[in-house]
PDB file of N, CA and C in Angstrom:
ATOM      1  N   MET A   1       0.895  -0.910  -0.244  1.00  0.00           N
ATOM      2  CA  MET A   1      -0.204   0.189   0.073  1.00  0.00           C
ATOM      3  C   MET A   1       0.969   1.289  -0.138  1.00  0.00           C
ATOM      4  N   LYS A   2       1.003   2.525  -1.122  1.00  0.00           N
ATOM      5  CA  LYS A   2       0.822   2.963  -0.380  1.00  0.00           C
ATOM      6  C   LYS A   2       0.227   4.435  -0.386  1.00  0.00           C
ATOM      7  N   ARG A   3       1.911   5.303   0.703  1.00  0.00           N
ATOM      8  CA  ARG A   3       1.706   6.602   2.389  1.00  0.00           C
ATOM      9  C   ARG A   3       1.516   7.786   0.901  1.00  0.00           C
ATOM     10  N   LYS A   4       0.327   7.848   1.551  1.00  0.00           N
ATOM     11  CA  LYS A   4      -0.155   9.250   1.130  1.00  0.00           C
ATOM     12  C   LYS A   4       0.675  10.320   1.347  1.00  0.00           C
ATOM     13  N   ASP A   5       1.419  11.213   0.449  1.00  0.00           N
ATOM     14  CA  ASP A   5       2.097  12.459   0.257  1.00  0.00           C
ATOM     15  C   ASP A   5       1.922  13.304   1.127  1.00  0.00           C
ATOM     16  N   LYS A   6       2.377  13.455   2.253  1.00  0.00           N
ATOM     17  CA  LYS A   6       1.943  14.777   2.963  1.00  0.00           C
ATOM     18  C   LYS A   6       1.502  15.784   2.398  1.00  0.00           C
ATOM     19  N   ASP A   7       2.834  16.032   1.850  1.00  0.00           N
ATOM     20  CA  ASP A   7       2.389  17.310   0.679  1.00  0.00           C
ATOM     21  C   ASP A   7       0.979  17.215   0.134  1.00  0.00           C
ATOM     22  N   SER A   8       0.321  16.323  -0.284  1.00  0.00           N
ATOM     23  CA  SER A   8      -0.768  16.627  -1.449  1.00  0.00           C
ATOM     24  C   SER A   8      -1.630  16.872  -0.148  1.00  0.00           C
ATOM     25  N   PRO A   9      -2.907  17.514  -0.926  1.00  0.00           N
ATOM     26  CA  PRO A   9      -4.027  17.892  -0.314  1.00  0.00           C
ATOM     27  C   PRO A   9      -5.018  17.061   0.303  1.00  0.00           C
ATOM     28  N   ARG A  10      -5.549  16.594   1.019  1.00  0.00           N
ATOM     29  CA  ARG A  10      -6.748  15.533   1.749  1.00  0.00           C
ATOM     30  C   ARG A  10      -7.783  16.274   0.986  1.00  0.00           C
ATOM     31  N   LYS A  11      -8.674  15.322   1.632  1.00  0.00           N
ATOM     32  CA  LYS A  11     -10.296  15.292   0.888  1.00  0.00           C
ATOM     33  C   LYS A  11     -11.004  16.411   2.388  1.00  0.00           C
ATOM     34  N   LEU A  12     -12.173  17.211   2.799  1.00  0.00           N
ATOM     35  CA  LEU A  12     -12.159  18.114   3.207  1.00  0.00           C
ATOM     36  C   LEU A  12     -13.243  17.219   3.922  1.00  0.00           C
ATOM     37  N   ASN A  13     -13.387  17.064   5.426  1.00  0.00           N
ATOM     38  CA  ASN A  13     -13.783  16.879   5.947  1.00  0.00           C
ATOM     39  C   ASN A  13     -15.654  17.659   6.179  1.00  0.00           C
ATOM     40  N   LYS A  14     -15.882  16.729   7.061  1.00  0.00           N
ATOM     41  CA  LYS A  14     -17.563  17.301   6.608  1.00  0.00           C
ATOM     42  C   LYS A  14     -17.607  18.798   7.505  1.00  0.00           C
ATOM     43  N   THR A  15     -16.844  18.834   8.782  1.00  0.00           N
ATOM     44  CA  THR A  15     -17.371  20.311   9.463  1.00  0.00           C
ATOM     45  C   THR A  15     -16.681  21.270   8.341  1.00  0.00           C
ATOM     46  N   GLU A  16     -15.494  20.996   7.617  1.00  0.00           N
ATOM     47  CA  GLU A  16     -14.681  21.132   7.446  1.00  0.00           C
ATOM     48  C   GLU A  16     -15.577  21.923   5.827  1.00  0.00           C
ATOM     49  N   GLN A  17     -15.788  21.096   4.927  1.00  0.00           N
ATOM     50  CA  GLN A  17     -16.855  21.217   3.761  1.00  0.00           C
ATOM     51  C   GLN A  17     -18.422  22.123   4.347  1.00  0.00           C
ATOM     52  N   ARG A  18     -18.613  21.848   5.839  1.00  0.00           N
ATOM     53  CA  ARG A  18     -20.180  23.081   6.013  1.00  0.00           C
ATOM     54  C   ARG A  18     -18.835  24.097   6.040  1.00  0.00           C
ATOM     55  N   TRP A  19     -17.961  25.140   6.575  1.00  0.00           N
ATOM     56  CA  TRP A  19     -17.595  25.857   6.186  1.00  0.00           C
ATOM     57  C   TRP A  19     -17.625  26.501   5.217  1.00  0.00           C
ATOM     58  N   PHE A  20     -16.178  25.475   3.885  1.00  0.00           N
ATOM     59  CA  PHE A  20     -16.832  26.258   2.751  1.00  0.00           C
ATOM     60  C   PHE A  20     -18.123  26.329   2.380  1.00  0.00           C
ATOM     61  N   GLU A  21     -19.052  25.720   2.525  1.00  0.00           N
ATOM     62  CA  GLU A  21     -20.661  26.141   1.702  1.00  0.00           C
ATOM     63  C   GLU A  21     -21.070  27.273   2.607  1.00  0.00           C
ATOM     64  N   TYR A  22     -20.717  27.159   3.310  1.00  0.00           N
ATOM     65  CA  TYR A  22     -21.012  28.698   4.878  1.00  0.00           C
ATOM     66  C   TYR A  22     -20.521  29.684   4.144  1.00  0.00           C
ATOM     67  N   ALA A  23     -18.915  29.542   3.413  1.00  0.00           N
ATOM     68  CA  ALA A  23     -18.249  31.279   2.926  1.00  0.00           C
ATOM     69  C   ALA A  23     -18.039  31.467   1.396  1.00  0.00           C
ATOM     70  N   LYS A  24     -18.681  29.727   0.912  1.00  0.00           N
ATOM     71  CA  LYS A  24     -18.840  30.378  -1.104  1.00  0.00           C
ATOM     72  C   LYS A  24     -20.156  31.433  -0.552  1.00  0.00           C
ATOM     73  N   GLU A  25     -20.962  31.537   0.103  1.00  0.00           N
ATOM     74  CA  GLU A  25     -22.430  31.723   0.089  1.00  0.00           C
ATOM     75  C   GLU A  25     -22.431  32.945   0.607  1.00  0.00           C
ATOM     76  N   GLY A  26     -20.495  33.561   0.307  1.00  0.00           N
ATOM     77  CA  GLY A  26     -20.610  34.975   0.692  1.00  0.00           C
ATOM     78  C   GLY A  26     -21.201  36.686   1.424  1.00  0.00           C
ATOM     79  N   PHE A  27     -20.447  35.448   3.295  1.00  0.00           N
ATOM     80  CA  PHE A  27     -20.889  36.046   3.954  1.00  0.00           C
ATOM     81  C   PHE A  27     -20.638  37.795   4.463  1.00  0.00           C
ATOM     82  N   VAL A  28     -19.517  37.075   3.716  1.00  0.00           N
ATOM     83  CA  VAL A  28     -18.160  38.924   4.230  1.00  0.00           C
ATOM     84  C   VAL A  28     -18.085  38.538   2.748  1.00  0.00           C
ATOM     85  N   GLU A  29     -18.880  40.636   2.099  1.00  0.00           N
ATOM     86  CA  GLU A  29     -18.307  41.115   0.752  1.00  0.00           C
ATOM     87  C   GLU A  29     -16.704  41.712   0.495  1.00  0.00           C
ATOM     88  N   GLY A  30     -16.037  41.127  -0.117  1.00  0.00           N
ATOM     89  CA  GLY A  30     -15.322  42.179  -0.586  1.00  0.00           C
ATOM     90  C   GLY A  30     -13.761  40.382  -0.701  1.00  0.00           C
ATOM     91  N   TRP A  31     -14.216  38.822  -0.464  1.00  0.00           N
ATOM     92  CA  TRP A  31     -13.427  38.078  -0.529  1.00  0.00           C
ATOM     93  C   TRP A  31     -13.125  37.520  -1.673  1.00  0.00           C
ATOM     94  N   ASP A  32     -11.888  37.730  -2.770  1.00  0.00           N
ATOM     95  CA  ASP A  32     -11.736  37.634  -3.450  1.00  0.00           C
ATOM     96  C   ASP A  32     -12.147  36.205  -4.003  1.00  0.00           C
ATOM     97  N   ALA A  33     -11.185  34.655  -2.654  1.00  0.00           N
ATOM     98  CA  ALA A  33     -10.852  33.495  -3.344  1.00  0.00           C
ATOM     99  C   ALA A  33     -10.657  33.668  -2.108  1.00  0.00           C
ATOM    100  N   ILE A  34     -10.674  31.557  -2.129  1.00  0.00           N
ATOM    101  CA  ILE A  34     -11.195  31.140  -0.498  1.00  0.00           C
ATOM    102  C   ILE A  34     -10.483  29.268  -1.728  1.00  0.00           C
ATOM    103  N   PHE A  35      -8.854  29.043  -0.361  1.00  0.00           N
ATOM    104  CA  PHE A  35      -8.289  28.181  -1.326  1.00  0.00           C
ATOM    105  C   PHE A  35      -8.076  26.664  -0.267  1.00  0.00           C
ATOM    106  N   PRO A  36      -8.758  25.269  -0.571  1.00  0.00           N
ATOM    107  CA  PRO A  36      -8.779  24.640   0.118  1.00  0.00           C
ATOM    108  C   PRO A  36      -7.132  23.901   1.153  1.00  0.00           C
ATOM    109  N   GLN A  37      -6.631  23.746   1.823  1.00  0.00           N
ATOM    110  CA  GLN A  37      -5.192  23.461   2.297  1.00  0.00           C
ATOM    111  C   GLN A  37      -4.118  24.031   1.031  1.00  0.00           C
ATOM    112  N   CYS A  38      -3.741  24.876   0.992  1.00  0.00           N
ATOM    113  CA  CYS A  38      -3.034  25.388  -0.370  1.00  0.00           C
ATOM    114  C   CYS A  38      -1.321  24.940   0.150  1.00  0.00           C
ATOM    115  N   ARG A  39      -1.000  25.576   1.416  1.00  0.00           N
ATOM    116  CA  ARG A  39      -0.319  26.216   1.724  1.00  0.00           C
ATOM    117  C   ARG A  39       0.422  25.347   3.013  1.00  0.00           C
ATOM    118  N   VAL A  40       2.120  25.175   3.213  1.00  0.00           N
ATOM    119  CA  VAL A  40       2.330  24.863   3.884  1.00  0.00           C
ATOM    120  C   VAL A  40       3.330  25.394   5.138  1.00  0.00           C
ATOM    121  N   LEU A  41       2.894  25.588   6.593  1.00  0.00           N
ATOM    122  CA  LEU A  41       3.536  26.737   6.958  1.00  0.00           C
ATOM    123  C   LEU A  41       4.686  25.735   7.326  1.00  0.00           C
ATOM    124  N   PRO A  42       6.396  25.985   7.638  1.00  0.00           N
ATOM    125  CA  PRO A  42       7.868  24.932   7.867  1.00  0.00           C
ATOM    126  C   PRO A  42       7.158  25.908   9.525  1.00  0.00           C
ATOM    127  N   LEU A  43       7.851  25.112  10.694  1.00  0.00           N
ATOM    128  CA  LEU A  43       7.477  25.346  12.444  1.00  0.00           C
ATOM    129  C   LEU A  43       9.050  24.860  12.538  1.00  0.00           C
ATOM    130  N   LYS A  44       8.924  25.517  13.574  1.00  0.00           N
ATOM    131  CA  LYS A  44      10.276  26.110  14.395  1.00  0.00           C
ATOM    132  C   LYS A  44      10.679  24.874  15.520  1.00  0.00           C
ATOM    133  N   GLY A  45      11.238  24.482  15.261  1.00  0.00           N
ATOM    134  CA  GLY A  45      11.717  22.697  16.151  1.00  0.00           C
ATOM    135  C   GLY A  45      11.085  21.615  15.538  1.00  0.00           C
ATOM    136  N   GLY A  46      10.694  22.006  14.127  1.00  0.00           N
ATOM    137  CA  GLY A  46       9.980  20.624  13.003  1.00  0.00           C
ATOM    138  C   GLY A  46       8.366  20.423  12.987  1.00  0.00           C
ATOM    139  N   GLY A  47       8.111  20.526  12.280  1.00  0.00           N
ATOM    140  CA  GLY A  47       6.631  20.008  11.859  1.00  0.00           C
ATOM    141  C   GLY A  47       6.514  20.349  11.185  1.00  0.00           C
ATOM    142  N   SER A  48       5.328  20.800  10.840  1.00  0.00           N
ATOM    143  CA  SER A  48       4.576  22.136   9.971  1.00  0.00           C
ATOM    144  C   SER A  48       3.276  22.024  10.408  1.00  0.00           C
ATOM    145  N   TYR A  49       2.571  22.995   9.372  1.00  0.00           N
ATOM    146  CA  TYR A  49       1.478  23.277  10.391  1.00  0.00           C
ATOM    147  C   TYR A  49       0.121  23.827   8.274  1.00  0.00           C
ATOM    148  N   ARG A  50      -0.388  23.042   8.105  1.00  0.00           N
ATOM    149  CA  ARG A  50      -1.334  23.266   6.927  1.00  0.00           C
ATOM    150  C   ARG A  50      -2.744  23.741   6.697  1.00  0.00           C
ATOM    151  N   PRO A  51      -2.730  24.914   6.812  1.00  0.00           N
ATOM    152  CA  PRO A  51      -4.170  25.519   7.348  1.00  0.00           C
ATOM    153  C   PRO A  51      -5.458  25.097   6.360  1.00  0.00           C
ATOM    154  N   ASP A  52      -7.370  24.484   7.233  1.00  0.00           N
ATOM    155  CA  ASP A  52      -7.250  24.068   5.989  1.00  0.00           C
ATOM    156  C   ASP A  52      -7.956  25.410   5.038  1.00  0.00           C
ATOM    157  N   PHE A  53      -7.809  26.167   5.432  1.00  0.00           N
ATOM    158  CA  PHE A  53      -8.163  26.902   4.287  1.00  0.00           C
ATOM    159  C   PHE A  53      -7.023  27.641   4.231  1.00  0.00           C
ATOM    160  N   GLU A  54      -7.268  29.224   2.488  1.00  0.00           N
ATOM    161  CA  GLU A  54      -6.497  30.434   2.605  1.00  0.00           C
ATOM    162  C   GLU A  54      -7.802  31.063   2.003  1.00  0.00           C
ATOM    163  N   TRP A  55      -7.622  32.160   2.241  1.00  0.00           N
ATOM    164  CA  TRP A  55      -8.066  33.066   2.362  1.00  0.00           C
ATOM    165  C   TRP A  55      -7.073  35.025   1.723  1.00  0.00           C
ATOM    166  N   ILE A  56      -7.246  35.096   0.540  1.00  0.00           N
ATOM    167  CA  ILE A  56      -7.222  36.491   0.033  1.00  0.00           C
ATOM    168  C   ILE A  56      -7.802  37.333  -0.315  1.00  0.00           C
ATOM    169  N   THR A  57      -8.203  38.444  -0.070  1.00  0.00           N
ATOM    170  CA  THR A  57      -8.611  39.543  -0.476  1.00  0.00           C
ATOM    171  C   THR A  57      -7.606  40.819  -0.737  1.00  0.00           C
ATOM    172  N   PRO A  58      -8.037  41.680  -1.900  1.00  0.00           N
ATOM    173  CA  PRO A  58      -7.299  43.006  -1.983  1.00  0.00           C
ATOM    174  C   PRO A  58      -7.646  44.154  -0.625  1.00  0.00           C
ATOM    175  N   LEU A  59      -6.874  44.757  -0.779  1.00  0.00           N
ATOM    176  CA  LEU A  59      -6.687  46.121   0.752  1.00  0.00           C
ATOM    177  C   LEU A  59      -6.752  47.164  -0.375  1.00  0.00           C
ATOM    178  N   THR A  60      -7.981  47.354  -1.123  1.00  0.00           N
ATOM    179  CA  THR A  60      -7.746  48.776  -2.041  1.00  0.00           C
ATOM    180  C   THR A  60      -6.894  49.939  -1.483  1.00  0.00           C
ATOM    181  N   SER A  61      -7.770  50.199  -0.122  1.00  0.00           N
ATOM    182  CA  SER A  61      -7.072  51.264   0.145  1.00  0.00           C
ATOM    183  C   SER A  61      -5.864  51.280   0.094  1.00  0.00           C
ATOM    184  N   GLU A  62      -4.885  50.107  -0.262  1.00  0.00           N
ATOM    185  CA  GLU A  62      -3.392  49.890  -0.611  1.00  0.00           C
ATOM    186  C   GLU A  62      -2.893  50.100  -0.935  1.00  0.00           C
ATOM    187  N   GLY A  63      -3.192  50.210  -2.715  1.00  0.00           N
ATOM    188  CA  GLY A  63      -2.198  50.139  -3.367  1.00  0.00           C
ATOM    189  C   GLY A  63      -1.770  49.413  -3.994  1.00  0.00           C
ATOM    190  N   GLY A  64      -2.928  48.345  -4.238  1.00  0.00           N
ATOM    191  CA  GLY A  64      -2.615  46.713  -4.826  1.00  0.00           C
ATOM    192  C   GLY A  64      -2.573  45.689  -3.344  1.00  0.00           C
ATOM    193  N   VAL A  65      -2.108  45.804  -2.510  1.00  0.00           N
ATOM    194  CA  VAL A  65      -1.790  44.728  -1.213  1.00  0.00           C
ATOM    195  C   VAL A  65      -2.964  43.575  -1.258  1.00  0.00           C
ATOM    196  N   VAL A  66      -2.448  42.910  -1.146  1.00  0.00           N
ATOM    197  CA  VAL A  66      -3.797  41.134  -0.955  1.00  0.00           C
ATOM    198  C   VAL A  66      -3.553  40.823   0.436  1.00  0.00           C
ATOM    199  N   ARG A  67      -4.273  40.887   1.393  1.00  0.00           N
ATOM    200  CA  ARG A  67      -4.691  40.289   2.715  1.00  0.00           C
ATOM    201  C   ARG A  67      -4.373  37.943   2.841  1.00  0.00           C
ATOM    202  N   ILE A  68      -4.181  37.944   3.812  1.00  0.00           N
ATOM    203  CA  ILE A  68      -4.281  36.926   3.455  1.00  0.00           C
ATOM    204  C   ILE A  68      -4.536  36.354   5.107  1.00  0.00           C
ATOM    205  N   VAL A  69      -5.616  34.929   5.125  1.00  0.00           N
ATOM    206  CA  VAL A  69      -5.489  34.468   6.029  1.00  0.00           C
ATOM    207  C   VAL A  69      -5.913  33.119   6.147  1.00  0.00           C
ATOM    208  N   LEU A  70      -5.054  32.575   7.397  1.00  0.00           N
ATOM    209  CA  LEU A  70      -5.515  31.545   7.200  1.00  0.00           C
ATOM    210  C   LEU A  70      -6.118  30.617   8.190  1.00  0.00           C
ATOM    211  N   ILE A  71      -6.642  29.651   7.365  1.00  0.00           N
ATOM    212  CA  ILE A  71      -7.886  29.341   8.377  1.00  0.00           C
ATOM    213  C   ILE A  71      -7.684  27.919   8.967  1.00  0.00           C
ATOM    214  N   GLU A  72      -8.279  27.947  10.010  1.00  0.00           N
ATOM    215  CA  GLU A  72      -8.003  26.490  11.069  1.00  0.00           C
ATOM    216  C   GLU A  72      -9.665  26.497  11.380  1.00  0.00           C
ATOM    217  N   ILE A  73     -10.117  25.043  11.056  1.00  0.00           N
ATOM    218  CA  ILE A  73     -12.144  24.519  11.437  1.00  0.00           C
ATOM    219  C   ILE A  73     -11.795  23.459  12.638  1.00  0.00           C
ATOM    220  N   LYS A  74     -12.558  23.837  13.044  1.00  0.00           N
ATOM    221  CA  LYS A  74     -12.754  22.729  14.483  1.00  0.00           C
ATOM    222  C   LYS A  74     -14.530  22.540  14.636  1.00  0.00           C
ATOM    223  N   GLY A  75     -14.573  21.427  14.485  1.00  0.00           N
ATOM    224  CA  GLY A  75     -15.952  20.764  14.862  1.00  0.00           C
ATOM    225  C   GLY A  75     -16.080  20.252  16.076  1.00  0.00           C
ATOM    226  N   GLY A  76     -17.099  20.334  16.603  1.00  0.00           N
ATOM    227  CA  GLY A  76     -17.327  18.997  18.500  1.00  0.00           C
ATOM    228  C   GLY A  76     -16.824  18.433  18.255  1.00  0.00           C
ATOM    229  N   PHE A  77     -16.662  16.931  17.301  1.00  0.00           N
ATOM    230  CA  PHE A  77     -15.858  15.586  17.569  1.00  0.00           C
ATOM    231  C   PHE A  77     -13.828  16.106  18.450  1.00  0.00           C
ATOM    232  N   LYS A  78     -13.838  15.612  18.956  1.00  0.00           N
ATOM    233  CA  LYS A  78     -12.626  16.386  19.997  1.00  0.00           C
ATOM    234  C   LYS A  78     -11.859  14.447  19.984  1.00  0.00           C
ATOM    235  N   GLY A  79     -11.087  13.821  18.595  1.00  0.00           N
ATOM    236  CA  GLY A  79     -10.961  12.443  18.253  1.00  0.00           C
ATOM    237  C   GLY A  79     -10.165  12.446  19.128  1.00  0.00           C
ATOM    238  N   PRO A  80      -8.682  11.900  17.291  1.00  0.00           N
ATOM    239  CA  PRO A  80      -7.278  11.792  17.313  1.00  0.00           C
ATOM    240  C   PRO A  80      -7.010  12.851  16.585  1.00  0.00           C
ATOM    241  N   GLY A  81      -5.863  13.025  16.872  1.00  0.00           N
ATOM    242  CA  GLY A  81      -5.373  14.838  15.706  1.00  0.00           C
ATOM    243  C   GLY A  81      -5.363  15.732  16.087  1.00  0.00           C
ATOM    244  N   TRP A  82      -6.513  16.004  16.522  1.00  0.00           N
ATOM    245  CA  TRP A  82      -7.518  17.117  17.141  1.00  0.00           C
ATOM    246  C   TRP A  82      -6.775  18.684  18.283  1.00  0.00           C
ATOM    247  N   GLU A  83      -6.474  17.634  19.145  1.00  0.00           N
ATOM    248  CA  GLU A  83      -5.531  18.460  20.126  1.00  0.00           C
ATOM    249  C   GLU A  83      -4.309  18.725  19.018  1.00  0.00           C
ATOM    250  N   GLN A  84      -2.981  17.598  17.909  1.00  0.00           N
ATOM    251  CA  GLN A  84      -2.468  18.447  17.408  1.00  0.00           C
ATOM    252  C   GLN A  84      -2.339  19.566  16.611  1.00  0.00           C
ATOM    253  N   GLY A  85      -3.696  19.089  15.830  1.00  0.00           N
ATOM    254  CA  GLY A  85      -4.828  20.373  14.540  1.00  0.00           C
ATOM    255  C   GLY A  85      -4.688  21.970  15.170  1.00  0.00           C
ATOM    256  N   LEU A  86      -4.280  21.624  16.414  1.00  0.00           N
ATOM    257  CA  LEU A  86      -5.181  23.438  17.844  1.00  0.00           C
ATOM    258  C   LEU A  86      -3.529  23.525  18.462  1.00  0.00           C
ATOM    259  N   GLU A  87      -2.555  22.583  18.467  1.00  0.00           N
ATOM    260  CA  GLU A  87      -1.489  23.299  19.307  1.00  0.00           C
ATOM    261  C   GLU A  87      -0.829  23.612  17.476  1.00  0.00           C
ATOM    262  N   ARG A  88      -0.349  22.582  16.643  1.00  0.00           N
ATOM    263  CA  ARG A  88       0.349  23.365  15.461  1.00  0.00           C
ATOM    264  C   ARG A  88      -0.804  24.305  15.147  1.00  0.00           C
ATOM    265  N   PHE A  89      -2.115  24.688  14.420  1.00  0.00           N
ATOM    266  CA  PHE A  89      -2.291  26.738  14.532  1.00  0.00           C
ATOM    267  C   PHE A  89      -1.810  26.577  15.524  1.00  0.00           C
ATOM    268  N   ARG A  90      -2.292  26.661  17.110  1.00  0.00           N
ATOM    269  CA  ARG A  90      -1.648  27.818  17.818  1.00  0.00           C
ATOM    270  C   ARG A  90       0.383  28.295  17.490  1.00  0.00           C
ATOM    271  N   ARG A  91       1.030  27.262  18.050  1.00  0.00           N
ATOM    272  CA  ARG A  91       2.710  27.280  16.964  1.00  0.00           C
ATOM    273  C   ARG A  91       2.416  28.349  15.832  1.00  0.00           C
ATOM    274  N   ALA A  92       2.087  28.073  14.953  1.00  0.00           N
ATOM    275  CA  ALA A  92       2.464  29.037  13.183  1.00  0.00           C
ATOM    276  C   ALA A  92       1.925  30.049  13.576  1.00  0.00           C
ATOM    277  N   ARG A  93       0.278  30.426  14.238  1.00  0.00           N
ATOM    278  CA  ARG A  93      -0.211  31.568  14.055  1.00  0.00           C
ATOM    279  C   ARG A  93       1.138  32.620  15.197  1.00  0.00           C
ATOM    280  N   ALA A  94       1.386  31.636  16.015  1.00  0.00           N
ATOM    281  CA  ALA A  94       2.923  33.302  17.098  1.00  0.00           C
ATOM    282  C   ALA A  94       3.904  32.863  15.885  1.00  0.00           C
ATOM    283  N   GLU A  95       4.280  32.089  15.358  1.00  0.00           N
ATOM    284  CA  GLU A  95       5.374  32.085  14.189  1.00  0.00           C
ATOM    285  C   GLU A  95       5.099  33.823  12.986  1.00  0.00           C
ATOM    286  N   TRP A  96       4.040  33.566  12.657  1.00  0.00           N
ATOM    287  CA  TRP A  96       3.823  33.584  11.452  1.00  0.00           C
ATOM    288  C   TRP A  96       3.082  34.697  11.199  1.00  0.00           C
ATOM    289  N   GLU A  97       2.615  35.444  12.597  1.00  0.00           N
ATOM    290  CA  GLU A  97       1.955  36.101  12.579  1.00  0.00           C
ATOM    291  C   GLU A  97       1.897  37.556  12.425  1.00  0.00           C
ATOM    292  N   HIS A  98       3.467  37.764  11.769  1.00  0.00           N
ATOM    293  CA  HIS A  98       4.031  38.899  11.910  1.00  0.00           C
ATOM    294  C   HIS A  98       3.609  39.189   9.689  1.00  0.00           C
ATOM    295  N   ILE A  99       3.108  37.392   9.209  1.00  0.00           N
ATOM    296  CA  ILE A  99       2.897  38.075   7.378  1.00  0.00           C
ATOM    297  C   ILE A  99       1.713  37.530   7.591  1.00  0.00           C
ATOM    298  N   PHE A 100       1.109  36.930   7.637  1.00  0.00           N
ATOM    299  CA  PHE A 100      -0.415  35.927   7.882  1.00  0.00           C
ATOM    300  C   PHE A 100      -1.308  37.297   8.441  1.00  0.00           C
ATOM    301  N   LYS A 101      -2.879  36.638   9.118  1.00  0.00           N
ATOM    302  CA  LYS A 101      -3.539  36.667   9.584  1.00  0.00           C
ATOM    303  C   LYS A 101      -4.096  35.347   9.855  1.00  0.00           C
ATOM    304  N   PHE A 102      -3.830  35.069  10.844  1.00  0.00           N
ATOM    305  CA  PHE A 102      -4.965  33.594  11.533  1.00  0.00           C
ATOM    306  C   PHE A 102      -6.274  33.385  12.141  1.00  0.00           C
ATOM    307  N   GLU A 103      -6.935  32.450  11.741  1.00  0.00           N
ATOM    308  CA  GLU A 103      -8.965  32.797  12.286  1.00  0.00           C
ATOM    309  C   GLU A 103      -8.323  30.987  12.588  1.00  0.00           C
ATOM    310  N   LEU A 104      -9.896  30.785  13.854  1.00  0.00           N
ATOM    311  CA  LEU A 104     -10.105  29.680  14.405  1.00  0.00           C
ATOM    312  C   LEU A 104     -11.757  29.108  14.089  1.00  0.00           C
ATOM    313  N   TRP A 105     -12.348  28.824  13.272  1.00  0.00           N
ATOM    314  CA  TRP A 105     -13.459  28.964  12.885  1.00  0.00           C
ATOM    315  C   TRP A 105     -13.545  28.170  13.930  1.00  0.00           C
ATOM    316  N   THR A 106     -14.612  27.368  14.455  1.00  0.00           N
ATOM    317  CA  THR A 106     -15.916  26.169  15.845  1.00  0.00           C
ATOM    318  C   THR A 106     -17.022  26.048  14.844  1.00  0.00           C
ATOM    319  N   TRP A 107     -17.244  25.181  15.457  1.00  0.00           N
ATOM    320  CA  TRP A 107     -18.911  24.842  15.157  1.00  0.00           C
ATOM    321  C   TRP A 107     -18.765  24.589  16.026  1.00  0.00           C
ATOM    322  N   LYS A 108     -20.325  25.312  16.092  1.00  0.00           N
ATOM    323  CA  LYS A 108     -21.480  24.763  17.584  1.00  0.00           C
ATOM    324  C   LYS A 108     -22.034  24.034  16.794  1.00  0.00           C
ATOM    325  N   ALA A 109     -22.196  23.181  17.314  1.00  0.00           N
ATOM    326  CA  ALA A 109     -23.937  21.694  16.542  1.00  0.00           C
ATOM    327  C   ALA A 109     -24.752  22.341  17.450  1.00  0.00           C
ATOM    328  N   LYS A 110     -25.144  22.419  18.592  1.00  0.00           N
ATOM    329  CA  LYS A 110     -26.123  22.450  19.059  1.00  0.00           C
ATOM    330  C   LYS A 110     -26.698  24.366  19.507  1.00  0.00           C
ATOM    331  N   GLU A 111     -25.741  25.417  19.432  1.00  0.00           N
ATOM    332  CA  GLU A 111     -26.322  26.352  18.501  1.00  0.00           C
ATOM    333  C   GLU A 111     -26.731  26.411  16.780  1.00  0.00           C
ATOM    334  N   ARG A 112     -25.960  25.737  16.076  1.00  0.00           N
ATOM    335  CA  ARG A 112     -25.455  25.468  15.201  1.00  0.00           C
ATOM    336  C   ARG A 112     -25.533  26.791  13.881  1.00  0.00           C
ATOM    337  N   LYS A 113     -24.234  26.741  14.599  1.00  0.00           N
ATOM    338  CA  LYS A 113     -24.003  28.463  14.490  1.00  0.00           C
ATOM    339  C   LYS A 113     -22.156  28.183  14.608  1.00  0.00           C
ATOM    340  N   TRP A 114     -21.270  29.649  13.399  1.00  0.00           N
ATOM    341  CA  TRP A 114     -20.397  29.047  13.356  1.00  0.00           C
ATOM    342  C   TRP A 114     -20.018  30.121  14.467  1.00  0.00           C
ATOM    343  N   GLU A 115     -18.472  30.562  15.250  1.00  0.00           N
ATOM    344  CA  GLU A 115     -18.019  30.918  16.560  1.00  0.00           C
ATOM    345  C   GLU A 115     -16.631  31.292  15.928  1.00  0.00           C
ATOM    346  N   VAL A 116     -15.978  32.682  15.898  1.00  0.00           N
ATOM    347  CA  VAL A 116     -14.611  32.577  15.218  1.00  0.00           C
ATOM    348  C   VAL A 116     -13.405  32.866  15.930  1.00  0.00           C
ATOM    349  N   GLU A 117     -12.261  32.990  16.394  1.00  0.00           N
ATOM    350  CA  GLU A 117     -11.667  33.495  17.035  1.00  0.00           C
ATOM    351  C   GLU A 117      -9.811  34.392  16.255  1.00  0.00           C
ATOM    352  N   LYS A 118     -10.086  35.734  16.438  1.00  0.00           N
ATOM    353  CA  LYS A 118      -9.095  35.604  15.420  1.00  0.00           C
ATOM    354  C   LYS A 118      -8.354  37.116  16.634  1.00  0.00           C
TER     355      LYS A 118
END
């Protein structure tokens, strides 16, 4: 059995797909592009972080400059890999926040709504 290449994107899980559909509805005007799992950031001390999504939007007041926001999606299931993903998100944010904005979106199933930490 071949091992999946760690640099290739995986299929979106149910919660990530829910967020992607929500984002495509245009809940925030001005966002030009949303890319799933397209960037890998190396982390100090080893390892890497691949955000679930990358948003790109122009900052029209700044003459052609773009803003890149890296998005991590979490749902209610806290099984294997949940803590590791959150820890990598926090490490990446601490190391790369001078270049990218980071957001953590969590699906609150009981309330049937998204909560965002910026």
